[in-house]
Amino acid sequence: MVILFKTAKLEKEFNESKQMVKRHGPHRAKLLQKRLFELRAATVMEDIFRLPQARCHELHGNRKGTLSVDLDHPFRLIFEPADEPIPTKPDGGLDWTKVTTIRILGIEDTHE
């Protein structure tokens, strides 16, 4: 998959190991690197959905339109589909089999 970033600062933070460790600590940085590798290796979003350890799912409420994968509890990597137009199913839901580009928004505790 193609990975874009919300900001250039976020892109630098996620693509430079030293910055990642400084901002998130060694444990979360290692998990983040693993998730980024999995996302880059995937052909479509459905590939990530099938990884049980990632626990990928769409968010709801005020986070509708975004997705997340596990890092270290309670933190999750937050992203959104960035294909133009966003692929949808006939019922209006996101078509995971056609999402090939995502935009990373950040890391958050989605339970707050």
PDB file of N, CA and C in Angstrom:
ATOM      1  N   MET A   1       0.839  -1.178   0.000  1.00  0.00           N
ATOM      2  CA  MET A   1       0.000   0.000   0.000  1.00  0.00           C
ATOM      3  C   MET A   1       0.887   1.246   0.000  1.00  0.00           C
ATOM      4  N   VAL A   2       0.328   2.296  -0.497  1.00  0.00           N
ATOM      5  CA  VAL A   2       0.995   3.595  -0.471  1.00  0.00           C
ATOM      6  C   VAL A   2       0.640   4.258   0.854  1.00  0.00           C
ATOM      7  N   ILE A   3       1.646   4.794   1.543  1.00  0.00           N
ATOM      8  CA  ILE A   3       1.411   5.454   2.820  1.00  0.00           C
ATOM      9  C   ILE A   3       1.748   6.930   2.696  1.00  0.00           C
ATOM     10  N   LEU A   4       0.769   7.770   2.988  1.00  0.00           N
ATOM     11  CA  LEU A   4       0.943   9.216   3.052  1.00  0.00           C
ATOM     12  C   LEU A   4       0.851   9.614   4.520  1.00  0.00           C
ATOM     13  N   PHE A   5       1.215  10.844   4.817  1.00  0.00           N
ATOM     14  CA  PHE A   5       1.177  11.338   6.190  1.00  0.00           C
ATOM     15  C   PHE A   5       0.438  12.668   6.242  1.00  0.00           C
ATOM     16  N   LYS A   6      -0.235  12.898   7.349  1.00  0.00           N
ATOM     17  CA  LYS A   6      -1.012  14.130   7.541  1.00  0.00           C
ATOM     18  C   LYS A   6      -0.118  15.367   7.432  1.00  0.00           C
ATOM     19  N   THR A   7       1.101  15.289   7.981  1.00  0.00           N
ATOM     20  CA  THR A   7       2.036  16.419   7.937  1.00  0.00           C
ATOM     21  C   THR A   7       3.451  15.928   7.621  1.00  0.00           C
ATOM     22  N   ALA A   8       4.285  16.835   7.156  1.00  0.00           N
ATOM     23  CA  ALA A   8       5.687  16.505   6.902  1.00  0.00           C
ATOM     24  C   ALA A   8       6.406  16.162   8.209  1.00  0.00           C
ATOM     25  N   LYS A   9       6.025  16.819   9.294  1.00  0.00           N
ATOM     26  CA  LYS A   9       6.621  16.541  10.602  1.00  0.00           C
ATOM     27  C   LYS A   9       6.325  15.101  11.035  1.00  0.00           C
ATOM     28  N   LEU A  10       5.093  14.672  10.849  1.00  0.00           N
ATOM     29  CA  LEU A  10       4.697  13.311  11.191  1.00  0.00           C
ATOM     30  C   LEU A  10       5.443  12.296  10.312  1.00  0.00           C
ATOM     31  N   GLU A  11       5.596  12.619   9.043  1.00  0.00           N
ATOM     32  CA  GLU A  11       6.329  11.735   8.130  1.00  0.00           C
ATOM     33  C   GLU A  11       7.776  11.564   8.592  1.00  0.00           C
ATOM     34  N   LYS A  12       8.408  12.638   8.975  1.00  0.00           N
ATOM     35  CA  LYS A  12       9.789  12.573   9.450  1.00  0.00           C
ATOM     36  C   LYS A  12       9.866  11.739  10.737  1.00  0.00           C
ATOM     37  N   GLU A  13       8.945  11.979  11.652  1.00  0.00           N
ATOM     38  CA  GLU A  13       8.900  11.255  12.922  1.00  0.00           C
ATOM     39  C   GLU A  13       8.744   9.750  12.704  1.00  0.00           C
ATOM     40  N   PHE A  14       7.911   9.362  11.731  1.00  0.00           N
ATOM     41  CA  PHE A  14       7.632   7.946  11.503  1.00  0.00           C
ATOM     42  C   PHE A  14       8.663   7.266  10.607  1.00  0.00           C
ATOM     43  N   ASN A  15       9.464   8.033   9.888  1.00  0.00           N
ATOM     44  CA  ASN A  15      10.440   7.445   8.980  1.00  0.00           C
ATOM     45  C   ASN A  15      11.874   7.519   9.480  1.00  0.00           C
ATOM     46  N   GLU A  16      12.094   8.153  10.599  1.00  0.00           N
ATOM     47  CA  GLU A  16      13.437   8.225  11.188  1.00  0.00           C
ATOM     48  C   GLU A  16      13.402   7.544  12.548  1.00  0.00           C
ATOM     49  N   SER A  17      14.116   6.420  12.639  1.00  0.00           N
ATOM     50  CA  SER A  17      14.094   5.613  13.867  1.00  0.00           C
ATOM     51  C   SER A  17      14.431   6.418  15.110  1.00  0.00           C
ATOM     52  N   LYS A  18      15.435   7.278  15.008  1.00  0.00           N
ATOM     53  CA  LYS A  18      15.852   8.072  16.171  1.00  0.00           C
ATOM     54  C   LYS A  18      14.712   8.974  16.653  1.00  0.00           C
ATOM     55  N   GLN A  19      14.022   9.622  15.727  1.00  0.00           N
ATOM     56  CA  GLN A  19      12.891  10.487  16.069  1.00  0.00           C
ATOM     57  C   GLN A  19      11.748   9.672  16.675  1.00  0.00           C
ATOM     58  N   MET A  20      11.510   8.495  16.105  1.00  0.00           N
ATOM     59  CA  MET A  20      10.430   7.635  16.570  1.00  0.00           C
ATOM     60  C   MET A  20      10.670   7.193  18.014  1.00  0.00           C
ATOM     61  N   VAL A  21      11.900   6.767  18.310  1.00  0.00           N
ATOM     62  CA  VAL A  21      12.239   6.322  19.664  1.00  0.00           C
ATOM     63  C   VAL A  21      12.178   7.494  20.636  1.00  0.00           C
ATOM     64  N   LYS A  22      12.679   8.650  20.217  1.00  0.00           N
ATOM     65  CA  LYS A  22      12.670   9.836  21.078  1.00  0.00           C
ATOM     66  C   LYS A  22      11.234  10.232  21.449  1.00  0.00           C
ATOM     67  N   ARG A  23      10.327  10.163  20.496  1.00  0.00           N
ATOM     68  CA  ARG A  23       8.946  10.607  20.710  1.00  0.00           C
ATOM     69  C   ARG A  23       8.077   9.560  21.415  1.00  0.00           C
ATOM     70  N   HIS A  24       8.312   8.257  21.102  1.00  0.00           N
ATOM     71  CA  HIS A  24       7.403   7.211  21.565  1.00  0.00           C
ATOM     72  C   HIS A  24       8.038   6.154  22.461  1.00  0.00           C
ATOM     73  N   GLY A  25       9.349   6.221  22.661  1.00  0.00           N
ATOM     74  CA  GLY A  25      10.018   5.203  23.458  1.00  0.00           C
ATOM     75  C   GLY A  25      10.348   3.980  22.618  1.00  0.00           C
ATOM     76  N   PRO A  26      11.313   3.162  23.070  1.00  0.00           N
ATOM     77  CA  PRO A  26      11.780   2.038  22.253  1.00  0.00           C
ATOM     78  C   PRO A  26      10.724   0.961  21.999  1.00  0.00           C
ATOM     79  N   HIS A  27       9.890   0.667  22.987  1.00  0.00           N
ATOM     80  CA  HIS A  27       8.897  -0.396  22.816  1.00  0.00           C
ATOM     81  C   HIS A  27       7.846  -0.027  21.775  1.00  0.00           C
ATOM     82  N   ARG A  28       7.236   1.138  21.920  1.00  0.00           N
ATOM     83  CA  ARG A  28       6.209   1.559  20.955  1.00  0.00           C
ATOM     84  C   ARG A  28       6.820   1.807  19.585  1.00  0.00           C
ATOM     85  N   ALA A  29       8.041   2.325  19.542  1.00  0.00           N
ATOM     86  CA  ALA A  29       8.706   2.561  18.259  1.00  0.00           C
ATOM     87  C   ALA A  29       8.894   1.245  17.502  1.00  0.00           C
ATOM     88  N   LYS A  30       9.251   0.192  18.221  1.00  0.00           N
ATOM     89  CA  LYS A  30       9.426  -1.122  17.587  1.00  0.00           C
ATOM     90  C   LYS A  30       8.091  -1.636  17.027  1.00  0.00           C
ATOM     91  N   LEU A  31       7.026  -1.497  17.802  1.00  0.00           N
ATOM     92  CA  LEU A  31       5.700  -1.914  17.339  1.00  0.00           C
ATOM     93  C   LEU A  31       5.240  -1.073  16.152  1.00  0.00           C
ATOM     94  N   LEU A  32       5.524   0.210  16.203  1.00  0.00           N
ATOM     95  CA  LEU A  32       5.149   1.108  15.115  1.00  0.00           C
ATOM     96  C   LEU A  32       5.887   0.732  13.829  1.00  0.00           C
ATOM     97  N   GLN A  33       7.167   0.435  13.932  1.00  0.00           N
ATOM     98  CA  GLN A  33       7.933   0.030  12.757  1.00  0.00           C
ATOM     99  C   GLN A  33       7.355  -1.248  12.157  1.00  0.00           C
ATOM    100  N   LYS A  34       6.945  -2.174  13.014  1.00  0.00           N
ATOM    101  CA  LYS A  34       6.335  -3.421  12.548  1.00  0.00           C
ATOM    102  C   LYS A  34       5.035  -3.134  11.795  1.00  0.00           C
ATOM    103  N   ARG A  35       4.181  -2.285  12.355  1.00  0.00           N
ATOM    104  CA  ARG A  35       2.910  -1.952  11.697  1.00  0.00           C
ATOM    105  C   ARG A  35       3.145  -1.248  10.362  1.00  0.00           C
ATOM    106  N   LEU A  36       4.105  -0.331  10.317  1.00  0.00           N
ATOM    107  CA  LEU A  36       4.405   0.368   9.069  1.00  0.00           C
ATOM    108  C   LEU A  36       4.892  -0.619   8.006  1.00  0.00           C
ATOM    109  N   PHE A  37       5.715  -1.578   8.417  1.00  0.00           N
ATOM    110  CA  PHE A  37       6.187  -2.609   7.496  1.00  0.00           C
ATOM    111  C   PHE A  37       5.002  -3.415   6.953  1.00  0.00           C
ATOM    112  N   GLU A  38       4.088  -3.816   7.849  1.00  0.00           N
ATOM    113  CA  GLU A  38       2.901  -4.579   7.439  1.00  0.00           C
ATOM    114  C   GLU A  38       2.034  -3.773   6.471  1.00  0.00           C
ATOM    115  N   LEU A  39       1.843  -2.498   6.771  1.00  0.00           N
ATOM    116  CA  LEU A  39       1.029  -1.642   5.905  1.00  0.00           C
ATOM    117  C   LEU A  39       1.673  -1.483   4.529  1.00  0.00           C
ATOM    118  N   ARG A  40       2.985  -1.271   4.496  1.00  0.00           N
ATOM    119  CA  ARG A  40       3.678  -1.110   3.211  1.00  0.00           C
ATOM    120  C   ARG A  40       3.647  -2.398   2.401  1.00  0.00           C
ATOM    121  N   ALA A  41       3.710  -3.548   3.079  1.00  0.00           N
ATOM    122  CA  ALA A  41       3.730  -4.846   2.397  1.00  0.00           C
ATOM    123  C   ALA A  41       2.356  -5.259   1.876  1.00  0.00           C
ATOM    124  N   ALA A  42       1.312  -4.709   2.440  1.00  0.00           N
ATOM    125  CA  ALA A  42      -0.050  -5.069   2.031  1.00  0.00           C
ATOM    126  C   ALA A  42      -0.356  -4.528   0.638  1.00  0.00           C
ATOM    127  N   THR A  43      -1.135  -5.282  -0.103  1.00  0.00           N
ATOM    128  CA  THR A  43      -1.587  -4.821  -1.413  1.00  0.00           C
ATOM    129  C   THR A  43      -2.813  -3.939  -1.265  1.00  0.00           C
ATOM    130  N   VAL A  44      -3.736  -4.383  -0.412  1.00  0.00           N
ATOM    131  CA  VAL A  44      -4.974  -3.649  -0.132  1.00  0.00           C
ATOM    132  C   VAL A  44      -5.235  -3.686   1.372  1.00  0.00           C
ATOM    133  N   MET A  45      -6.119  -2.835   1.842  1.00  0.00           N
ATOM    134  CA  MET A  45      -6.432  -2.732   3.269  1.00  0.00           C
ATOM    135  C   MET A  45      -6.934  -4.047   3.850  1.00  0.00           C
ATOM    136  N   GLU A  46      -7.630  -4.842   3.066  1.00  0.00           N
ATOM    137  CA  GLU A  46      -8.148  -6.116   3.555  1.00  0.00           C
ATOM    138  C   GLU A  46      -7.020  -7.025   4.062  1.00  0.00           C
ATOM    139  N   ASP A  47      -5.816  -6.907   3.491  1.00  0.00           N
ATOM    140  CA  ASP A  47      -4.670  -7.705   3.949  1.00  0.00           C
ATOM    141  C   ASP A  47      -4.371  -7.414   5.420  1.00  0.00           C
ATOM    142  N   ILE A  48      -4.487  -6.163   5.831  1.00  0.00           N
ATOM    143  CA  ILE A  48      -4.239  -5.775   7.220  1.00  0.00           C
ATOM    144  C   ILE A  48      -5.385  -6.234   8.106  1.00  0.00           C
ATOM    145  N   PHE A  49      -6.591  -6.138   7.603  1.00  0.00           N
ATOM    146  CA  PHE A  49      -7.765  -6.579   8.349  1.00  0.00           C
ATOM    147  C   PHE A  49      -7.634  -8.050   8.736  1.00  0.00           C
ATOM    148  N   ARG A  50      -6.980  -8.839   7.921  1.00  0.00           N
ATOM    149  CA  ARG A  50      -6.837 -10.275   8.165  1.00  0.00           C
ATOM    150  C   ARG A  50      -5.729 -10.613   9.155  1.00  0.00           C
ATOM    151  N   LEU A  51      -4.924  -9.644   9.576  1.00  0.00           N
ATOM    152  CA  LEU A  51      -3.869  -9.894  10.569  1.00  0.00           C
ATOM    153  C   LEU A  51      -4.470  -9.780  11.965  1.00  0.00           C
ATOM    154  N   PRO A  52      -4.653 -10.897  12.677  1.00  0.00           N
ATOM    155  CA  PRO A  52      -5.317 -10.821  13.990  1.00  0.00           C
ATOM    156  C   PRO A  52      -4.571  -9.949  14.997  1.00  0.00           C
ATOM    157  N   GLN A  53      -3.249  -9.929  14.956  1.00  0.00           N
ATOM    158  CA  GLN A  53      -2.490  -9.142  15.918  1.00  0.00           C
ATOM    159  C   GLN A  53      -2.632  -7.638  15.705  1.00  0.00           C
ATOM    160  N   ALA A  54      -3.041  -7.223  14.504  1.00  0.00           N
ATOM    161  CA  ALA A  54      -3.200  -5.792  14.218  1.00  0.00           C
ATOM    162  C   ALA A  54      -4.534  -5.260  14.745  1.00  0.00           C
ATOM    163  N   ARG A  55      -5.528  -6.116  14.817  1.00  0.00           N
ATOM    164  CA  ARG A  55      -6.875  -5.724  15.257  1.00  0.00           C
ATOM    165  C   ARG A  55      -7.355  -4.458  14.536  1.00  0.00           C
ATOM    166  N   CYS A  56      -7.237  -4.485  13.235  1.00  0.00           N
ATOM    167  CA  CYS A  56      -7.639  -3.348  12.410  1.00  0.00           C
ATOM    168  C   CYS A  56      -9.152  -3.232  12.376  1.00  0.00           C
ATOM    169  N   HIS A  57      -9.642  -2.018  12.581  1.00  0.00           N
ATOM    170  CA  HIS A  57     -11.080  -1.795  12.466  1.00  0.00           C
ATOM    171  C   HIS A  57     -11.389  -0.329  12.213  1.00  0.00           C
ATOM    172  N   GLU A  58     -12.584  -0.119  11.668  1.00  0.00           N
ATOM    173  CA  GLU A  58     -13.062   1.239  11.420  1.00  0.00           C
ATOM    174  C   GLU A  58     -13.544   1.832  12.738  1.00  0.00           C
ATOM    175  N   LEU A  59     -13.298   3.122  12.915  1.00  0.00           N
ATOM    176  CA  LEU A  59     -13.742   3.814  14.123  1.00  0.00           C
ATOM    177  C   LEU A  59     -15.113   4.433  13.883  1.00  0.00           C
ATOM    178  N   HIS A  60     -15.780   4.790  14.958  1.00  0.00           N
ATOM    179  CA  HIS A  60     -17.149   5.284  14.885  1.00  0.00           C
ATOM    180  C   HIS A  60     -17.275   6.656  15.554  1.00  0.00           C
ATOM    181  N   GLY A  61     -18.473   7.185  15.549  1.00  0.00           N
ATOM    182  CA  GLY A  61     -18.742   8.463  16.204  1.00  0.00           C
ATOM    183  C   GLY A  61     -18.015   9.603  15.524  1.00  0.00           C
ATOM    184  N   ASN A  62     -17.344  10.430  16.336  1.00  0.00           N
ATOM    185  CA  ASN A  62     -16.633  11.580  15.768  1.00  0.00           C
ATOM    186  C   ASN A  62     -15.356  11.168  15.029  1.00  0.00           C
ATOM    187  N   ARG A  63     -15.015   9.890  15.069  1.00  0.00           N
ATOM    188  CA  ARG A  63     -13.847   9.370  14.348  1.00  0.00           C
ATOM    189  C   ARG A  63     -14.251   8.590  13.098  1.00  0.00           C
ATOM    190  N   LYS A  64     -15.526   8.677  12.716  1.00  0.00           N
ATOM    191  CA  LYS A  64     -16.016   7.963  11.539  1.00  0.00           C
ATOM    192  C   LYS A  64     -15.180   8.344  10.316  1.00  0.00           C
ATOM    193  N   GLY A  65     -14.851   7.346   9.514  1.00  0.00           N
ATOM    194  CA  GLY A  65     -14.023   7.574   8.333  1.00  0.00           C
ATOM    195  C   GLY A  65     -12.556   7.271   8.573  1.00  0.00           C
ATOM    196  N   THR A  66     -12.203   6.973   9.829  1.00  0.00           N
ATOM    197  CA  THR A  66     -10.822   6.613  10.142  1.00  0.00           C
ATOM    198  C   THR A  66     -10.759   5.160  10.592  1.00  0.00           C
ATOM    199  N   LEU A  67      -9.554   4.612  10.558  1.00  0.00           N
ATOM    200  CA  LEU A  67      -9.309   3.237  10.974  1.00  0.00           C
ATOM    201  C   LEU A  67      -8.160   3.242  11.961  1.00  0.00           C
ATOM    202  N   SER A  68      -7.990   2.111  12.661  1.00  0.00           N
ATOM    203  CA  SER A  68      -6.870   2.016  13.583  1.00  0.00           C
ATOM    204  C   SER A  68      -6.351   0.593  13.662  1.00  0.00           C
ATOM    205  N   VAL A  69      -5.081   0.473  14.052  1.00  0.00           N
ATOM    206  CA  VAL A  69      -4.451  -0.814  14.341  1.00  0.00           C
ATOM    207  C   VAL A  69      -3.767  -0.699  15.701  1.00  0.00           C
ATOM    208  N   ASP A  70      -3.659  -1.832  16.378  1.00  0.00           N
ATOM    209  CA  ASP A  70      -3.035  -1.871  17.700  1.00  0.00           C
ATOM    210  C   ASP A  70      -1.559  -1.533  17.664  1.00  0.00           C
ATOM    211  N   LEU A  71      -1.139  -0.829  18.698  1.00  0.00           N
ATOM    212  CA  LEU A  71       0.278  -0.680  19.026  1.00  0.00           C
ATOM    213  C   LEU A  71       0.411  -1.307  20.414  1.00  0.00           C
ATOM    214  N   ASP A  72       0.710  -0.489  21.427  1.00  0.00           N
ATOM    215  CA  ASP A  72       0.714  -0.988  22.810  1.00  0.00           C
ATOM    216  C   ASP A  72      -0.482  -0.369  23.523  1.00  0.00           C
ATOM    217  N   HIS A  73      -1.201  -1.193  24.262  1.00  0.00           N
ATOM    218  CA  HIS A  73      -2.441  -0.742  24.904  1.00  0.00           C
ATOM    219  C   HIS A  73      -2.187   0.464  25.799  1.00  0.00           C
ATOM    220  N   PRO A  74      -2.961   1.507  25.668  1.00  0.00           N
ATOM    221  CA  PRO A  74      -4.186   1.677  24.890  1.00  0.00           C
ATOM    222  C   PRO A  74      -3.957   2.416  23.573  1.00  0.00           C
ATOM    223  N   PHE A  75      -2.723   2.505  23.116  1.00  0.00           N
ATOM    224  CA  PHE A  75      -2.413   3.331  21.947  1.00  0.00           C
ATOM    225  C   PHE A  75      -2.594   2.582  20.636  1.00  0.00           C
ATOM    226  N   ARG A  76      -3.106   3.334  19.652  1.00  0.00           N
ATOM    227  CA  ARG A  76      -3.380   2.775  18.331  1.00  0.00           C
ATOM    228  C   ARG A  76      -2.892   3.747  17.256  1.00  0.00           C
ATOM    229  N   LEU A  77      -2.478   3.184  16.133  1.00  0.00           N
ATOM    230  CA  LEU A  77      -2.096   3.962  14.967  1.00  0.00           C
ATOM    231  C   LEU A  77      -3.375   4.307  14.212  1.00  0.00           C
ATOM    232  N   ILE A  78      -3.608   5.602  13.994  1.00  0.00           N
ATOM    233  CA  ILE A  78      -4.835   6.091  13.367  1.00  0.00           C
ATOM    234  C   ILE A  78      -4.527   6.515  11.926  1.00  0.00           C
ATOM    235  N   PHE A  79      -5.379   6.089  10.996  1.00  0.00           N
ATOM    236  CA  PHE A  79      -5.194   6.462   9.591  1.00  0.00           C
ATOM    237  C   PHE A  79      -6.543   6.498   8.888  1.00  0.00           C
ATOM    238  N   GLU A  80      -6.508   7.012   7.657  1.00  0.00           N
ATOM    239  CA  GLU A  80      -7.723   7.103   6.858  1.00  0.00           C
ATOM    240  C   GLU A  80      -7.411   6.669   5.434  1.00  0.00           C
ATOM    241  N   PRO A  81      -8.409   6.165   4.724  1.00  0.00           N
ATOM    242  CA  PRO A  81      -8.179   5.847   3.313  1.00  0.00           C
ATOM    243  C   PRO A  81      -7.904   7.144   2.554  1.00  0.00           C
ATOM    244  N   ALA A  82      -6.968   7.082   1.606  1.00  0.00           N
ATOM    245  CA  ALA A  82      -6.614   8.293   0.865  1.00  0.00           C
ATOM    246  C   ALA A  82      -6.792   8.117  -0.644  1.00  0.00           C
ATOM    247  N   ASP A  83      -7.405   7.028  -1.054  1.00  0.00           N
ATOM    248  CA  ASP A  83      -7.703   6.845  -2.473  1.00  0.00           C
ATOM    249  C   ASP A  83      -8.717   7.904  -2.896  1.00  0.00           C
ATOM    250  N   GLU A  84      -8.634   8.339  -4.134  1.00  0.00           N
ATOM    251  CA  GLU A  84      -9.601   9.303  -4.673  1.00  0.00           C
ATOM    252  C   GLU A  84     -10.309   8.676  -5.853  1.00  0.00           C
ATOM    253  N   PRO A  85     -11.574   8.441  -5.812  1.00  0.00           N
ATOM    254  CA  PRO A  85     -12.463   8.584  -4.669  1.00  0.00           C
ATOM    255  C   PRO A  85     -12.262   7.421  -3.691  1.00  0.00           C
ATOM    256  N   ILE A  86     -12.725   7.591  -2.468  1.00  0.00           N
ATOM    257  CA  ILE A  86     -12.632   6.529  -1.462  1.00  0.00           C
ATOM    258  C   ILE A  86     -13.542   5.390  -1.913  1.00  0.00           C
ATOM    259  N   PRO A  87     -12.979   4.165  -2.035  1.00  0.00           N
ATOM    260  CA  PRO A  87     -13.779   3.037  -2.512  1.00  0.00           C
ATOM    261  C   PRO A  87     -14.858   2.623  -1.511  1.00  0.00           C
ATOM    262  N   THR A  88     -16.072   2.528  -1.978  1.00  0.00           N
ATOM    263  CA  THR A  88     -17.178   2.129  -1.110  1.00  0.00           C
ATOM    264  C   THR A  88     -17.927   0.946  -1.712  1.00  0.00           C
ATOM    265  N   LYS A  89     -18.607   0.237  -0.819  1.00  0.00           N
ATOM    266  CA  LYS A  89     -19.477  -0.869  -1.223  1.00  0.00           C
ATOM    267  C   LYS A  89     -20.835  -0.285  -1.614  1.00  0.00           C
ATOM    268  N   PRO A  90     -21.687  -1.094  -2.253  1.00  0.00           N
ATOM    269  CA  PRO A  90     -23.027  -0.604  -2.613  1.00  0.00           C
ATOM    270  C   PRO A  90     -23.830  -0.080  -1.413  1.00  0.00           C
ATOM    271  N   ASP A  91     -23.560  -0.634  -0.201  1.00  0.00           N
ATOM    272  CA  ASP A  91     -24.299  -0.177   0.983  1.00  0.00           C
ATOM    273  C   ASP A  91     -23.712   1.102   1.585  1.00  0.00           C
ATOM    274  N   GLY A  92     -22.627   1.622   0.964  1.00  0.00           N
ATOM    275  CA  GLY A  92     -22.011   2.857   1.436  1.00  0.00           C
ATOM    276  C   GLY A  92     -20.825   2.658   2.350  1.00  0.00           C
ATOM    277  N   GLY A  93     -20.585   1.428   2.814  1.00  0.00           N
ATOM    278  CA  GLY A  93     -19.448   1.141   3.679  1.00  0.00           C
ATOM    279  C   GLY A  93     -18.134   1.137   2.911  1.00  0.00           C
ATOM    280  N   LEU A  94     -17.039   1.222   3.624  1.00  0.00           N
ATOM    281  CA  LEU A  94     -15.706   1.223   3.031  1.00  0.00           C
ATOM    282  C   LEU A  94     -15.399  -0.141   2.418  1.00  0.00           C
ATOM    283  N   ASP A  95     -14.919  -0.145   1.176  1.00  0.00           N
ATOM    284  CA  ASP A  95     -14.550  -1.395   0.509  1.00  0.00           C
ATOM    285  C   ASP A  95     -13.066  -1.656   0.744  1.00  0.00           C
ATOM    286  N   TRP A  96     -12.785  -2.460   1.765  1.00  0.00           N
ATOM    287  CA  TRP A  96     -11.407  -2.761   2.181  1.00  0.00           C
ATOM    288  C   TRP A  96     -10.605  -3.435   1.069  1.00  0.00           C
ATOM    289  N   THR A  97     -11.280  -4.084   0.133  1.00  0.00           N
ATOM    290  CA  THR A  97     -10.585  -4.803  -0.939  1.00  0.00           C
ATOM    291  C   THR A  97     -10.049  -3.867  -2.017  1.00  0.00           C
ATOM    292  N   LYS A  98     -10.421  -2.590  -1.947  1.00  0.00           N
ATOM    293  CA  LYS A  98      -9.989  -1.641  -2.975  1.00  0.00           C
ATOM    294  C   LYS A  98      -9.186  -0.467  -2.424  1.00  0.00           C
ATOM    295  N   VAL A  99      -8.982  -0.410  -1.113  1.00  0.00           N
ATOM    296  CA  VAL A  99      -8.186   0.677  -0.526  1.00  0.00           C
ATOM    297  C   VAL A  99      -6.708   0.336  -0.724  1.00  0.00           C
ATOM    298  N   THR A 100      -6.007   1.176  -1.493  1.00  0.00           N
ATOM    299  CA  THR A 100      -4.590   0.946  -1.784  1.00  0.00           C
ATOM    300  C   THR A 100      -3.687   2.066  -1.277  1.00  0.00           C
ATOM    301  N   THR A 101      -4.288   3.135  -0.777  1.00  0.00           N
ATOM    302  CA  THR A 101      -3.537   4.289  -0.279  1.00  0.00           C
ATOM    303  C   THR A 101      -4.159   4.742   1.038  1.00  0.00           C
ATOM    304  N   ILE A 102      -3.288   4.978   2.035  1.00  0.00           N
ATOM    305  CA  ILE A 102      -3.778   5.480   3.318  1.00  0.00           C
ATOM    306  C   ILE A 102      -2.987   6.715   3.725  1.00  0.00           C
ATOM    307  N   ARG A 103      -3.587   7.508   4.612  1.00  0.00           N
ATOM    308  CA  ARG A 103      -2.928   8.685   5.176  1.00  0.00           C
ATOM    309  C   ARG A 103      -2.877   8.497   6.690  1.00  0.00           C
ATOM    310  N   ILE A 104      -1.671   8.465   7.235  1.00  0.00           N
ATOM    311  CA  ILE A 104      -1.500   8.302   8.678  1.00  0.00           C
ATOM    312  C   ILE A 104      -1.752   9.636   9.361  1.00  0.00           C
ATOM    313  N   LEU A 105      -2.609   9.585  10.388  1.00  0.00           N
ATOM    314  CA  LEU A 105      -3.003  10.786  11.122  1.00  0.00           C
ATOM    315  C   LEU A 105      -2.270  10.927  12.450  1.00  0.00           C
ATOM    316  N   GLY A 106      -1.832   9.816  13.038  1.00  0.00           N
ATOM    317  CA  GLY A 106      -1.108   9.896  14.303  1.00  0.00           C
ATOM    318  C   GLY A 106      -1.312   8.675  15.163  1.00  0.00           C
ATOM    319  N   ILE A 107      -0.897   8.801  16.412  1.00  0.00           N
ATOM    320  CA  ILE A 107      -1.046   7.754  17.418  1.00  0.00           C
ATOM    321  C   ILE A 107      -1.894   8.333  18.534  1.00  0.00           C
ATOM    322  N   GLU A 108      -2.925   7.564  18.934  1.00  0.00           N
ATOM    323  CA  GLU A 108      -3.838   8.059  19.978  1.00  0.00           C
ATOM    324  C   GLU A 108      -4.341   6.933  20.847  1.00  0.00           C
ATOM    325  N   ASP A 109      -4.824   7.310  22.017  1.00  0.00           N
ATOM    326  CA  ASP A 109      -5.609   6.422  22.858  1.00  0.00           C
ATOM    327  C   ASP A 109      -7.047   6.695  22.455  1.00  0.00           C
ATOM    328  N   THR A 110      -7.650   5.788  21.702  1.00  0.00           N
ATOM    329  CA  THR A 110      -8.990   6.021  21.166  1.00  0.00           C
ATOM    330  C   THR A 110     -10.077   5.820  22.218  1.00  0.00           C
ATOM    331  N   HIS A 111      -9.704   5.428  23.410  1.00  0.00           N
ATOM    332  CA  HIS A 111     -10.695   5.184  24.454  1.00  0.00           C
ATOM    333  C   HIS A 111     -10.892   6.380  25.379  1.00  0.00           C
ATOM    334  N   GLU A 112     -10.199   7.451  25.113  1.00  0.00           N
ATOM    335  CA  GLU A 112     -10.355   8.655  25.957  1.00  0.00           C
ATOM    336  C   GLU A 112     -11.561   9.448  25.542  1.00  0.00           C
TER     337      GLU A 112
END
